[in-house]
């Protein structure tokens, strides 16, 4: 999955990468729950943190 922004953003660099990763992670977790995927996947309650670049 790819995520990107269009136009100006209030954050940049690692902070922007983390915000986009959080969005993608929450979307994946929600999708698995909604469509009741046959492949069981356990998502941690806390969002993963990216290492600083």
Protein backbone atom coordinates (compact mmCIF):
# COMPACT_ATOMS: atom_id res chain seq x y z
CA UNK A 1 0.00 0.00 0.00
CA UNK A 2 1.22 3.49 -0.79
CA UNK A 3 0.15 6.67 0.95
CA UNK A 4 0.99 10.24 0.02
CA UNK A 5 -0.17 13.78 0.45
CA UNK A 6 -1.27 16.30 -2.12
CA UNK A 7 -0.31 19.92 -1.53
CA UNK A 8 1.20 21.53 1.53
CA UNK A 9 1.35 19.68 4.84
CA UNK A 10 1.79 20.94 8.40
CA UNK A 11 4.39 18.27 9.14
CA UNK A 12 7.33 16.93 7.15
CA UNK A 13 10.01 14.27 7.32
CA UNK A 14 9.74 11.59 10.01
CA UNK A 15 6.62 13.16 11.54
CA UNK A 16 4.82 12.99 8.17
CA UNK A 17 6.02 9.43 7.56
CA UNK A 18 4.64 8.41 10.96
CA UNK A 19 1.28 10.11 10.33
CA UNK A 20 0.91 8.31 6.98
CA UNK A 21 1.96 4.98 8.51
CA UNK A 22 -0.59 5.45 11.32
CA UNK A 23 -3.32 6.13 8.76
CA UNK A 24 -2.41 3.08 6.66
CA UNK A 25 -2.18 0.84 9.75
CA UNK A 26 -5.59 1.92 11.03
CA UNK A 27 -7.10 1.40 7.57
CA UNK A 28 -5.67 -2.14 7.37
CA UNK A 29 -6.87 -3.01 10.89
CA UNK A 30 -10.38 -1.69 10.11
CA UNK A 31 -10.53 -3.53 6.79
CA UNK A 32 -9.63 -6.87 8.36
CA UNK A 33 -12.35 -6.38 10.97
CA UNK A 34 -15.06 -5.27 8.49
CA UNK A 35 -14.57 -7.98 5.88
CA UNK A 36 -13.93 -10.71 8.46
CA UNK A 37 -10.83 -11.98 6.65
CA UNK A 38 -10.27 -15.72 6.77
CA UNK A 39 -6.56 -15.19 7.42
CA UNK A 40 -6.56 -14.30 11.09
CA UNK A 41 -4.35 -11.32 11.84
CA UNK A 42 -3.72 -9.94 15.30
CA UNK A 43 -3.06 -6.23 15.37
CA UNK A 44 -1.49 -4.70 18.49
CA UNK A 45 -3.58 -2.08 20.27
CA UNK A 46 -0.85 0.57 19.96
CA UNK A 47 0.29 1.76 16.56
CA UNK A 48 3.86 0.83 15.65
CA UNK A 49 6.49 3.59 15.81
CA UNK A 50 8.90 4.05 12.92
CA UNK A 51 12.60 4.44 13.66
CA UNK A 52 13.94 7.94 13.01
CA UNK A 53 15.57 8.22 9.59
